Structures are given as structure tokens and as C-alpha cells.
Amino acid sequence: MSSTVKLIFPEVISIKRSIVILPDNLNPYRVSGFSARDGNFSLGIRSSYNKVYFRSHIAQHNRNFALLELFIKFFNCGVVYNRSITGRCDFIVQSKDHLCNIIIPHFSNYPFESIKMLDFLDLKRGMNIVVSGNIDSKIDNIRDITTDRSA
């Protein structure tokens, strides 16, 4: 317990956290469920140079760094950043190839029921636009996706 918490709540008795033993491999249904709760999917346009970006992201407290490393093993892609200043870590996939060939197929095969599924479907629509041809001629279609849900 931090000294601030002890000062504000002196009657609280701290206990040791139990040790969590992580599995060797993640269950695909649990990966989807975990993403429905703690993940997000995003796409947008960097207005300064009209570049489209895509991202799949899961954030956790940095004590769960080892868990997020299992996502790298499960998907065979992505990176985990430990942001010690904020006390969190992030599993991020931004590669167009990895999103198209690994992330989108996974969540298409193991969908989840959450409002975040709309974000996933937007990411999938945007990615389909990008891979179907010249992005410069499709930028307005991407912009429509990003503004449809922000309105």
C-alpha cells in the first residue's frame, strides 16, 4: 500500500496479492473476451499529411506485463510497451499486414458482444478500403467511417 493510501485510510489492512500462474497459451475465446473489456480498435486520418492509421490495442496495469506478452505469443505479432511513468503497459498492433492477416481474421472467427465490436467493424471496413486500391482515391471513404461514429 502506498504511504498516501495508508495516511488517508489508516484502518485498512494490506494483504499480499496471490501469485497468478499464467497459462502457456491463451484460449482464443478468452482473447476476444479480454479484448472486448480492455482493448480497442481504431482508425483515423492524420490530417497533417492525409495518412490513414489503424491500430489494435490492449491496456493493462504494468503488473500484467507478462500477460500482455502472451498476446504477442498468441498472435505472433505486436509489441508490448511498459509505460512505467503511468503505471500501465500496452499491447499494440499497427502493421497493416498483421492487422489484415492475423487480427481481423481472429476477431471475425471469434467475435465478441460488446459496443467495441462496432470499432472492430469500422477497422475492418477501413482496412478493406485501403487494401482494395489506391488510398488517395479512397481517403474520403475512410473519412466517412471515422465521422459516422463520432457524430
Protein backbone atom coordinates (compact mmCIF):
# COMPACT_ATOMS: atom_id res chain seq x y z
CA MET A 1 0.00 0.00 0.00
CA SER A 2 1.27 3.47 -0.79
CA SER A 3 2.01 5.87 2.04
CA THR A 4 -0.77 8.16 0.76
CA VAL A 5 -3.36 5.39 0.98
CA LYS A 6 -2.13 4.44 4.45
CA LEU A 7 -2.43 8.06 5.56
CA ILE A 8 -5.95 8.52 4.18
CA PHE A 9 -7.22 5.07 5.20
CA PRO A 10 -5.27 4.06 8.34
CA GLU A 11 -7.77 1.33 9.24
CA VAL A 12 -7.17 -0.60 6.01
CA ILE A 13 -5.04 -3.69 6.46
CA SER A 14 -2.93 -4.60 3.47
CA ILE A 15 -2.66 -8.16 2.26
CA LYS A 16 -0.30 -9.81 -0.16
CA ARG A 17 -1.59 -10.45 -3.64
CA SER A 18 -1.79 -14.07 -4.62
CA ILE A 19 0.58 -15.19 -7.34
CA VAL A 20 -1.17 -15.75 -10.65
CA ILE A 21 0.22 -18.54 -12.78
CA LEU A 22 -0.28 -17.71 -16.43
CA PRO A 23 -1.05 -20.42 -18.98
CA ASP A 24 1.45 -21.32 -21.69
CA ASN A 25 -1.11 -20.48 -24.37
CA LEU A 26 -4.18 -18.29 -24.47
CA ASN A 27 -7.66 -19.54 -25.37
CA PRO A 28 -8.96 -17.69 -28.48
CA TYR A 29 -12.37 -17.09 -26.88
CA ARG A 30 -10.72 -15.57 -23.82
CA VAL A 31 -8.54 -13.39 -26.03
CA SER A 32 -11.68 -11.99 -27.64
CA GLY A 33 -13.40 -11.56 -24.30
CA PHE A 34 -10.37 -9.85 -22.84
CA SER A 35 -10.21 -7.53 -25.85
CA ALA A 36 -13.90 -6.72 -25.50
CA ARG A 37 -13.22 -5.49 -22.00
CA ASP A 38 -9.74 -3.96 -22.08
CA GLY A 39 -8.96 -3.48 -25.76
CA ASN A 40 -9.83 -1.11 -28.54
CA PHE A 41 -9.64 -0.84 -32.30
CA SER A 42 -9.08 2.47 -34.01
CA LEU A 43 -8.59 4.02 -37.38
CA GLY A 44 -8.21 7.60 -38.41
CA ILE A 45 -6.57 10.07 -40.71
CA ARG A 46 -3.60 12.14 -39.68
CA SER A 47 -4.79 15.45 -41.04
CA SER A 48 -1.32 16.99 -41.35
CA TYR A 49 -0.44 14.67 -44.25
CA ASN A 50 -3.63 12.70 -45.05
CA LYS A 51 -2.21 9.38 -43.85
CA VAL A 52 -4.53 6.63 -42.62
CA TYR A 53 -3.61 4.78 -39.45
CA PHE A 54 -5.01 1.59 -37.93
CA ARG A 55 -4.43 0.10 -34.51
CA SER A 56 -5.46 -2.74 -32.22
CA HIS A 57 -4.61 -2.02 -28.59
CA ILE A 58 -4.97 -3.55 -25.13
CA ALA A 59 -4.01 -1.64 -21.99
CA GLN A 60 -3.30 -3.10 -18.55
CA HIS A 61 -1.65 -2.17 -15.28
CA ASN A 62 2.08 -2.76 -15.70
CA ARG A 63 1.97 -5.63 -13.18
CA ASN A 64 0.25 -7.55 -16.03
CA PHE A 65 3.15 -7.10 -18.44
CA ALA A 66 3.73 -10.87 -18.66
CA LEU A 67 0.08 -11.39 -19.59
CA LEU A 68 0.34 -8.95 -22.48
CA GLU A 69 3.49 -10.71 -23.66
CA LEU A 70 1.29 -13.80 -24.07
CA PHE A 71 -0.73 -11.82 -26.62
CA ILE A 72 2.44 -11.44 -28.69
CA LYS A 73 2.93 -15.20 -28.49
CA PHE A 74 -0.75 -15.88 -29.29
CA PHE A 75 -0.95 -13.57 -32.32
CA ASN A 76 2.72 -13.90 -33.30
CA CYS A 77 2.83 -10.13 -33.79
CA GLY A 78 2.59 -6.86 -31.95
CA VAL A 79 4.65 -5.19 -29.27
CA VAL A 80 4.21 -4.53 -25.55
CA TYR A 81 5.29 -1.18 -24.14
CA ASN A 82 5.86 -0.75 -20.41
CA ARG A 83 4.91 2.81 -19.52
CA SER A 84 6.32 2.89 -16.01
CA ILE A 85 5.56 6.60 -15.54
CA THR A 86 1.82 5.97 -15.92
CA GLY A 87 1.90 2.50 -14.35
CA ARG A 88 0.45 0.79 -17.40
CA CYS A 89 1.54 -1.39 -20.28
CA ASP A 90 0.12 -1.63 -23.78
CA PHE A 91 -0.08 -4.40 -26.37
CA ILE A 92 -0.25 -2.72 -29.78
CA VAL A 93 -0.56 -3.98 -33.35
CA GLN A 94 -0.29 -1.34 -36.09
CA SER A 95 1.17 -3.24 -39.03
CA LYS A 96 -1.29 -3.31 -41.92
CA ASP A 97 -0.22 -6.87 -42.81
CA HIS A 98 -0.63 -8.12 -39.24
CA LEU A 99 -3.99 -6.43 -38.86
CA CYS A 100 -5.25 -7.83 -42.18
CA ASN A 101 -3.84 -11.33 -41.87
CA ILE A 102 -3.95 -12.03 -38.13
CA ILE A 103 -6.02 -9.62 -36.03
CA ILE A 104 -9.05 -9.17 -38.32
CA PRO A 105 -9.38 -12.91 -39.07
CA HIS A 106 -9.15 -13.73 -35.36
CA PHE A 107 -11.95 -11.37 -34.32
CA SER A 108 -14.01 -12.37 -37.35
CA ASN A 109 -13.75 -16.02 -36.24
CA TYR A 110 -14.09 -15.30 -32.50
CA PRO A 111 -16.38 -12.26 -32.31
CA PHE A 112 -17.49 -10.73 -29.03
CA GLU A 113 -20.68 -8.99 -27.98
CA SER A 114 -19.73 -5.51 -26.91
CA ILE A 115 -20.03 -1.95 -28.18
CA LYS A 116 -16.35 -2.28 -29.11
CA MET A 117 -17.38 -4.67 -31.87
CA LEU A 118 -18.55 -1.56 -33.77
CA ASP A 119 -14.99 -0.21 -33.56
CA PHE A 120 -13.66 -3.53 -34.83
CA LEU A 121 -16.12 -3.49 -37.75
CA ASP A 122 -15.05 0.08 -38.59
CA LEU A 123 -11.41 -1.01 -38.55
CA LYS A 124 -12.27 -3.93 -40.82
CA ARG A 125 -14.22 -1.69 -43.23
CA GLY A 126 -11.37 0.80 -43.34
CA MET A 127 -8.78 -1.88 -43.91
CA ASN A 128 -10.85 -3.35 -46.75
CA ILE A 129 -10.93 0.10 -48.39
CA VAL A 130 -7.17 0.50 -48.04
CA VAL A 131 -6.24 -2.91 -49.43
CA SER A 132 -8.70 -2.63 -52.32
CA GLY A 133 -6.76 0.04 -54.17
CA ASN A 134 -5.24 3.48 -54.24
CA ILE A 135 -5.66 5.02 -50.79
CA ASP A 136 -5.59 8.58 -52.16
CA SER A 137 -8.83 7.97 -54.06
CA LYS A 138 -10.34 6.23 -51.02
CA ILE A 139 -9.46 8.78 -48.32
CA ASP A 140 -12.98 10.23 -48.32
CA ASN A 141 -14.44 6.76 -47.71
CA ILE A 142 -12.14 6.36 -44.70
CA ARG A 143 -13.10 9.84 -43.50
CA ASP A 144 -16.78 8.81 -43.72
CA ILE A 145 -16.13 5.86 -41.43
CA THR A 146 -14.33 8.00 -38.85
CA THR A 147 -17.01 10.69 -38.85
CA ASP A 148 -20.07 8.38 -38.95
CA ARG A 149 -19.47 7.20 -35.39
CA SER A 150 -18.13 10.44 -33.95
CA ALA A 151 -21.31 12.35 -34.78
